[in-house]
Amino acid sequence: MNIIKSEFVTSSANISQCPKEELPEFAFIGRSNVGKSSLINMLTDRKALAKVSSKPGKTQLINHFIINESWYLVDLPGYGWAKVAKTEKAKWGVMIHDYLLERQNLVNLFVLVDSRLEPQKIDIEFINWLGEKQIPFAIVFTKTDKQSKNKTESNIAKYRRFLKNYWEELPPIFTTSSFKKEGRDEVLNFIEGLVTAP
């Protein structure tokens, strides 16, 4: 897939404010500081489409971007250890929960995981919840440029083994580096296949 045009559309505090459910949506979520904004910018080949910050918790709303005037890329708030008030975290939880369960045109959720880390309880619990709710998703391992290829492969293999304790069939898995633009074609081709599916 070639991304010719990508534009910010709107930020929403709840799903009632989101655009009409007329186009397919692909959402991105992950723990705070997992590299979500960098990945979105890499996929769209835009330096600052999504705001990048070293401070976790930068994304606090549901952000819609229209791609090629044919589908929405949705940037969801991160979950985890962002330094915000508990009331704000609670709002994020409700916002994410409602979006994932009620948004009818959500085609796939990309769950971002830091490739450098051991399986994290918060990620596993979230992934298993998605399975229970039958929300279609894929796992995207980020920041592979921060370590050796062997270390990345070892960590992902460990993750696969861990997930097989809960899953008979694993979801699609991608490895990416926003810095090296690795995994871009694979993720975009996966989206294209779903957008053009009958």
C-alpha atoms as a PDB file:
ATOM      1  CA  MET A   1       0.000   0.000   0.000  1.00  0.00           C
ATOM      2  CA  ASN A   2       1.188   3.497  -0.869  1.00  0.00           C
ATOM      3  CA  ILE A   3       0.038   6.231   1.487  1.00  0.00           C
ATOM      4  CA  ILE A   4      -0.496   9.254  -0.732  1.00  0.00           C
ATOM      5  CA  LYS A   5      -2.474  11.393   1.680  1.00  0.00           C
ATOM      6  CA  SER A   6      -2.779  11.422   5.469  1.00  0.00           C
ATOM      7  CA  GLU A   7      -4.597  14.106   7.419  1.00  0.00           C
ATOM      8  CA  PHE A   8      -5.609  14.703  11.011  1.00  0.00           C
ATOM      9  CA  VAL A   9      -9.403  14.749  11.327  1.00  0.00           C
ATOM     10  CA  THR A  10     -10.405  15.117  14.971  1.00  0.00           C
ATOM     11  CA  SER A  11      -9.689  14.319  18.620  1.00  0.00           C
ATOM     12  CA  SER A  12     -12.529  12.831  20.654  1.00  0.00           C
ATOM     13  CA  ALA A  13     -13.032  12.459  24.391  1.00  0.00           C
ATOM     14  CA  ASN A  14     -15.639   9.711  23.862  1.00  0.00           C
ATOM     15  CA  ILE A  15     -16.965   7.623  20.993  1.00  0.00           C
ATOM     16  CA  SER A  16     -20.035   9.825  20.473  1.00  0.00           C
ATOM     17  CA  GLN A  17     -17.646  12.517  19.221  1.00  0.00           C
ATOM     18  CA  CYS A  18     -15.859  10.191  16.759  1.00  0.00           C
ATOM     19  CA  PRO A  19     -16.471  10.539  12.991  1.00  0.00           C
ATOM     20  CA  LYS A  20     -19.428   8.696  11.463  1.00  0.00           C
ATOM     21  CA  GLU A  21     -18.795   4.961  11.092  1.00  0.00           C
ATOM     22  CA  GLU A  22     -18.575   5.135   7.308  1.00  0.00           C
ATOM     23  CA  LEU A  23     -14.971   4.057   6.698  1.00  0.00           C
ATOM     24  CA  PRO A  24     -12.931   1.109   8.015  1.00  0.00           C
ATOM     25  CA  GLU A  25     -10.782   1.910  11.057  1.00  0.00           C
ATOM     26  CA  PHE A  26      -7.430   0.547  12.189  1.00  0.00           C
ATOM     27  CA  ALA A  27      -6.507   1.530  15.732  1.00  0.00           C
ATOM     28  CA  PHE A  28      -3.152   1.552  17.523  1.00  0.00           C
ATOM     29  CA  ILE A  29      -2.694   1.072  21.250  1.00  0.00           C
ATOM     30  CA  GLY A  30       0.076   0.108  23.666  1.00  0.00           C
ATOM     31  CA  ARG A  31       1.628   0.794  27.018  1.00  0.00           C
ATOM     32  CA  SER A  32       2.784   4.350  27.601  1.00  0.00           C
ATOM     33  CA  ASN A  33       6.071   5.140  25.832  1.00  0.00           C
ATOM     34  CA  VAL A  34       6.011   2.043  23.607  1.00  0.00           C
ATOM     35  CA  GLY A  35       6.726   4.131  20.498  1.00  0.00           C
ATOM     36  CA  LYS A  36       3.196   4.446  19.156  1.00  0.00           C
ATOM     37  CA  SER A  37       3.451   7.990  17.757  1.00  0.00           C
ATOM     38  CA  SER A  38       6.804   7.191  16.135  1.00  0.00           C
ATOM     39  CA  LEU A  39       5.291   4.096  14.496  1.00  0.00           C
ATOM     40  CA  ILE A  40       2.290   6.046  13.176  1.00  0.00           C
ATOM     41  CA  ASN A  41       4.607   8.703  11.730  1.00  0.00           C
ATOM     42  CA  MET A  42       6.761   6.000  10.147  1.00  0.00           C
ATOM     43  CA  LEU A  43       3.764   4.223   8.587  1.00  0.00           C
ATOM     44  CA  THR A  44       2.367   7.454   7.134  1.00  0.00           C
ATOM     45  CA  ASP A  45       5.817   8.775   6.197  1.00  0.00           C
ATOM     46  CA  ARG A  46       5.073  11.996   8.055  1.00  0.00           C
ATOM     47  CA  LYS A  47       7.491  13.427  10.616  1.00  0.00           C
ATOM     48  CA  ALA A  48       4.892  14.869  12.968  1.00  0.00           C
ATOM     49  CA  LEU A  49       1.455  13.524  12.074  1.00  0.00           C
ATOM     50  CA  ALA A  50       1.254  12.074  15.588  1.00  0.00           C
ATOM     51  CA  LYS A  51       2.924  14.029  18.372  1.00  0.00           C
ATOM     52  CA  VAL A  52       6.009  12.260  19.743  1.00  0.00           C
ATOM     53  CA  SER A  53       7.027  12.797  23.351  1.00  0.00           C
ATOM     54  CA  SER A  54       9.560  11.289  25.723  1.00  0.00           C
ATOM     55  CA  LYS A  55       6.984  11.915  28.453  1.00  0.00           C
ATOM     56  CA  PRO A  56       4.556   8.969  28.686  1.00  0.00           C
ATOM     57  CA  GLY A  57       0.860   9.650  28.318  1.00  0.00           C
ATOM     58  CA  LYS A  58       1.044  12.242  25.541  1.00  0.00           C
ATOM     59  CA  THR A  59      -2.020  10.832  23.770  1.00  0.00           C
ATOM     60  CA  GLN A  60      -5.053  11.498  25.954  1.00  0.00           C
ATOM     61  CA  LEU A  61      -7.850  11.456  23.385  1.00  0.00           C
ATOM     62  CA  ILE A  62      -9.031   9.261  20.511  1.00  0.00           C
ATOM     63  CA  ASN A  63      -7.247  10.757  17.484  1.00  0.00           C
ATOM     64  CA  HIS A  64      -8.565  10.064  13.985  1.00  0.00           C
ATOM     65  CA  PHE A  65      -6.427  10.446  10.846  1.00  0.00           C
ATOM     66  CA  ILE A  66      -7.894   9.820   7.404  1.00  0.00           C
ATOM     67  CA  ILE A  67      -5.588   7.883   5.064  1.00  0.00           C
ATOM     68  CA  ASN A  68      -5.906   8.037   1.270  1.00  0.00           C
ATOM     69  CA  GLU A  69      -9.477   9.238   1.882  1.00  0.00           C
ATOM     70  CA  SER A  70     -10.442   5.575   2.256  1.00  0.00           C
ATOM     71  CA  TRP A  71      -9.758   4.496   5.872  1.00  0.00           C
ATOM     72  CA  TYR A  72      -9.078   5.862   9.328  1.00  0.00           C
ATOM     73  CA  LEU A  73      -5.938   5.362  11.364  1.00  0.00           C
ATOM     74  CA  VAL A  74      -6.886   5.781  15.028  1.00  0.00           C
ATOM     75  CA  ASP A  75      -4.372   6.695  17.731  1.00  0.00           C
ATOM     76  CA  LEU A  76      -5.684   5.553  21.131  1.00  0.00           C
ATOM     77  CA  PRO A  77      -4.375   6.627  24.554  1.00  0.00           C
ATOM     78  CA  GLY A  78      -1.672   4.374  25.963  1.00  0.00           C
ATOM     79  CA  TYR A  79      -2.224   2.272  29.037  1.00  0.00           C
ATOM     80  CA  GLY A  80       0.217   1.653  31.869  1.00  0.00           C
ATOM     81  CA  TRP A  81       2.417   3.907  33.897  1.00  0.00           C
ATOM     82  CA  ALA A  82       1.825   7.386  32.465  1.00  0.00           C
ATOM     83  CA  LYS A  83       2.139  10.031  35.167  1.00  0.00           C
ATOM     84  CA  VAL A  84      -1.393  11.418  35.128  1.00  0.00           C
ATOM     85  CA  ALA A  85      -4.071  11.662  37.788  1.00  0.00           C
ATOM     86  CA  LYS A  86      -5.999   8.499  38.637  1.00  0.00           C
ATOM     87  CA  THR A  87      -9.200  10.207  37.507  1.00  0.00           C
ATOM     88  CA  GLU A  88      -7.637  10.779  34.074  1.00  0.00           C
ATOM     89  CA  LYS A  89      -6.509   7.142  33.879  1.00  0.00           C
ATOM     90  CA  ALA A  90     -10.048   6.062  34.776  1.00  0.00           C
ATOM     91  CA  LYS A  91     -11.414   8.240  31.954  1.00  0.00           C
ATOM     92  CA  TRP A  92      -8.940   6.699  29.500  1.00  0.00           C
ATOM     93  CA  GLY A  93     -10.051   3.249  30.605  1.00  0.00           C
ATOM     94  CA  VAL A  94     -13.712   4.019  29.914  1.00  0.00           C
ATOM     95  CA  MET A  95     -12.845   5.744  26.627  1.00  0.00           C
ATOM     96  CA  ILE A  96     -10.757   2.813  25.356  1.00  0.00           C
ATOM     97  CA  HIS A  97     -13.253   0.222  26.637  1.00  0.00           C
ATOM     98  CA  ASP A  98     -16.212   1.918  24.917  1.00  0.00           C
ATOM     99  CA  TYR A  99     -14.309   2.463  21.675  1.00  0.00           C
ATOM    100  CA  LEU A 100     -13.117  -1.134  21.399  1.00  0.00           C
ATOM    101  CA  LEU A 101     -16.454  -2.699  22.272  1.00  0.00           C
ATOM    102  CA  GLU A 102     -18.837  -0.339  20.493  1.00  0.00           C
ATOM    103  CA  ARG A 103     -17.068   1.010  17.421  1.00  0.00           C
ATOM    104  CA  GLN A 104     -18.732  -0.944  14.614  1.00  0.00           C
ATOM    105  CA  ASN A 105     -16.245  -0.048  11.866  1.00  0.00           C
ATOM    106  CA  LEU A 106     -13.116  -1.095  13.797  1.00  0.00           C
ATOM    107  CA  VAL A 107     -11.469  -3.644  11.498  1.00  0.00           C
ATOM    108  CA  ASN A 108      -8.295  -4.338  13.481  1.00  0.00           C
ATOM    109  CA  LEU A 109      -6.495  -3.184  16.601  1.00  0.00           C
ATOM    110  CA  PHE A 110      -2.693  -3.113  16.598  1.00  0.00           C
ATOM    111  CA  VAL A 111      -1.334  -3.803  20.077  1.00  0.00           C
ATOM    112  CA  LEU A 112       2.195  -2.400  20.383  1.00  0.00           C
ATOM    113  CA  VAL A 113       4.713  -4.201  22.572  1.00  0.00           C
ATOM    114  CA  ASP A 114       8.302  -3.141  23.354  1.00  0.00           C
ATOM    115  CA  SER A 115      10.495  -5.872  21.833  1.00  0.00           C
ATOM    116  CA  ARG A 116      13.156  -5.334  24.504  1.00  0.00           C
ATOM    117  CA  LEU A 117      10.996  -6.449  27.419  1.00  0.00           C
ATOM    118  CA  GLU A 118       9.968  -9.773  28.906  1.00  0.00           C
ATOM    119  CA  PRO A 119       6.227 -10.502  28.652  1.00  0.00           C
ATOM    120  CA  GLN A 120       4.498  -7.884  30.793  1.00  0.00           C
ATOM    121  CA  LYS A 121       1.455  -8.747  32.896  1.00  0.00           C
ATOM    122  CA  ILE A 122      -0.477  -5.662  31.752  1.00  0.00           C
ATOM    123  CA  ASP A 123       0.040  -6.542  28.054  1.00  0.00           C
ATOM    124  CA  ILE A 124      -0.923 -10.191  28.527  1.00  0.00           C
ATOM    125  CA  GLU A 125      -4.065  -9.283  30.472  1.00  0.00           C
ATOM    126  CA  PHE A 126      -5.079  -6.779  27.786  1.00  0.00           C
ATOM    127  CA  ILE A 127      -4.387  -9.235  24.950  1.00  0.00           C
ATOM    128  CA  ASN A 128      -6.398 -11.947  26.685  1.00  0.00           C
ATOM    129  CA  TRP A 129      -9.269  -9.505  27.286  1.00  0.00           C
ATOM    130  CA  LEU A 130      -9.314  -8.744  23.542  1.00  0.00           C
ATOM    131  CA  GLY A 131      -9.596 -12.468  22.886  1.00  0.00           C
ATOM    132  CA  GLU A 132     -12.469 -12.846  25.352  1.00  0.00           C
ATOM    133  CA  LYS A 133     -14.313  -9.959  23.679  1.00  0.00           C
ATOM    134  CA  GLN A 134     -13.481 -11.294  20.197  1.00  0.00           C
ATOM    135  CA  ILE A 135     -11.894  -8.028  19.084  1.00  0.00           C
ATOM    136  CA  PRO A 136      -9.663  -8.630  16.025  1.00  0.00           C
ATOM    137  CA  PHE A 137      -6.081  -7.575  16.692  1.00  0.00           C
ATOM    138  CA  ALA A 138      -2.444  -8.017  15.745  1.00  0.00           C
ATOM    139  CA  ILE A 139       0.681  -7.618  17.879  1.00  0.00           C
ATOM    140  CA  VAL A 140       3.371  -5.165  16.758  1.00  0.00           C
ATOM    141  CA  PHE A 141       6.778  -5.448  18.410  1.00  0.00           C
ATOM    142  CA  THR A 142       8.474  -2.032  18.413  1.00  0.00           C
ATOM    143  CA  LYS A 143      11.988  -0.636  18.870  1.00  0.00           C
ATOM    144  CA  THR A 144      13.816  -3.604  17.320  1.00  0.00           C
ATOM    145  CA  ASP A 145      16.701  -1.271  16.387  1.00  0.00           C
ATOM    146  CA  LYS A 146      17.498  -0.803  20.085  1.00  0.00           C
ATOM    147  CA  GLN A 147      18.987  -4.301  20.395  1.00  0.00           C
ATOM    148  CA  SER A 148      20.527  -7.124  18.344  1.00  0.00           C
ATOM    149  CA  LYS A 149      18.429  -9.156  15.941  1.00  0.00           C
ATOM    150  CA  ASN A 150      19.123 -12.287  18.009  1.00  0.00           C
ATOM    151  CA  LYS A 151      17.835 -10.608  21.162  1.00  0.00           C
ATOM    152  CA  THR A 152      14.683  -9.474  19.369  1.00  0.00           C
ATOM    153  CA  GLU A 153      14.037 -12.947  17.975  1.00  0.00           C
ATOM    154  CA  SER A 154      14.665 -14.507  21.380  1.00  0.00           C
ATOM    155  CA  ASN A 155      12.234 -12.131  23.112  1.00  0.00           C
ATOM    156  CA  ILE A 156       9.516 -12.658  20.500  1.00  0.00           C
ATOM    157  CA  ALA A 157       9.936 -16.445  20.714  1.00  0.00           C
ATOM    158  CA  LYS A 158       9.550 -16.155  24.483  1.00  0.00           C
ATOM    159  CA  TYR A 159       6.404 -14.093  23.989  1.00  0.00           C
ATOM    160  CA  ARG A 160       4.962 -16.655  21.589  1.00  0.00           C
ATOM    161  CA  ARG A 161       5.592 -19.463  24.076  1.00  0.00           C
ATOM    162  CA  PHE A 162       4.012 -17.426  26.841  1.00  0.00           C
ATOM    163  CA  LEU A 163       0.901 -16.619  24.794  1.00  0.00           C
ATOM    164  CA  LYS A 164       0.446 -20.254  23.819  1.00  0.00           C
ATOM    165  CA  ASN A 165      -0.450 -20.892  27.461  1.00  0.00           C
ATOM    166  CA  TYR A 166      -3.663 -19.014  26.686  1.00  0.00           C
ATOM    167  CA  TRP A 167      -4.129 -19.165  22.923  1.00  0.00           C
ATOM    168  CA  GLU A 168      -4.571 -22.112  20.553  1.00  0.00           C
ATOM    169  CA  GLU A 169      -3.853 -19.875  17.566  1.00  0.00           C
ATOM    170  CA  LEU A 170      -1.753 -16.741  17.863  1.00  0.00           C
ATOM    171  CA  PRO A 171      -2.788 -13.427  16.283  1.00  0.00           C
ATOM    172  CA  PRO A 172      -0.716 -11.907  13.450  1.00  0.00           C
ATOM    173  CA  ILE A 173       2.675 -10.660  14.704  1.00  0.00           C
ATOM    174  CA  PHE A 174       4.817  -7.888  13.200  1.00  0.00           C
ATOM    175  CA  THR A 175       8.276  -6.578  14.101  1.00  0.00           C
ATOM    176  CA  THR A 176       9.054  -2.916  13.514  1.00  0.00           C
ATOM    177  CA  SER A 177      11.667  -0.224  13.880  1.00  0.00           C
ATOM    178  CA  SER A 178      10.430   3.329  13.362  1.00  0.00           C
ATOM    179  CA  PHE A 179      14.045   4.507  13.188  1.00  0.00           C
ATOM    180  CA  LYS A 180      14.982   2.074  10.395  1.00  0.00           C
ATOM    181  CA  LYS A 181      11.481   1.977   8.854  1.00  0.00           C
ATOM    182  CA  GLU A 182      11.430  -1.795   9.244  1.00  0.00           C
ATOM    183  CA  GLY A 183       8.087  -3.594   9.157  1.00  0.00           C
ATOM    184  CA  ARG A 184       6.352  -0.712   7.359  1.00  0.00           C
ATOM    185  CA  ASP A 185       5.457  -2.636   4.209  1.00  0.00           C
ATOM    186  CA  GLU A 186       4.286  -5.669   6.174  1.00  0.00           C
ATOM    187  CA  VAL A 187       1.900  -3.662   8.365  1.00  0.00           C
ATOM    188  CA  LEU A 188       0.564  -1.572   5.477  1.00  0.00           C
ATOM    189  CA  ASN A 189       0.064  -4.617   3.228  1.00  0.00           C
ATOM    190  CA  PHE A 190      -1.835  -6.301   6.068  1.00  0.00           C
ATOM    191  CA  ILE A 191      -4.104  -3.249   6.337  1.00  0.00           C
ATOM    192  CA  GLU A 192      -4.540  -3.083   2.564  1.00  0.00           C
ATOM    193  CA  GLY A 193      -5.610  -6.737   2.498  1.00  0.00           C
ATOM    194  CA  LEU A 194      -8.326  -6.024   5.062  1.00  0.00           C
ATOM    195  CA  VAL A 195      -9.464  -2.755   3.444  1.00  0.00           C
ATOM    196  CA  THR A 196      -9.880  -4.404   0.032  1.00  0.00           C
ATOM    197  CA  ALA A 197     -11.327  -7.687   1.335  1.00  0.00           C
ATOM    198  CA  PRO A 198     -14.830  -8.366  -0.023  1.00  0.00           C
END
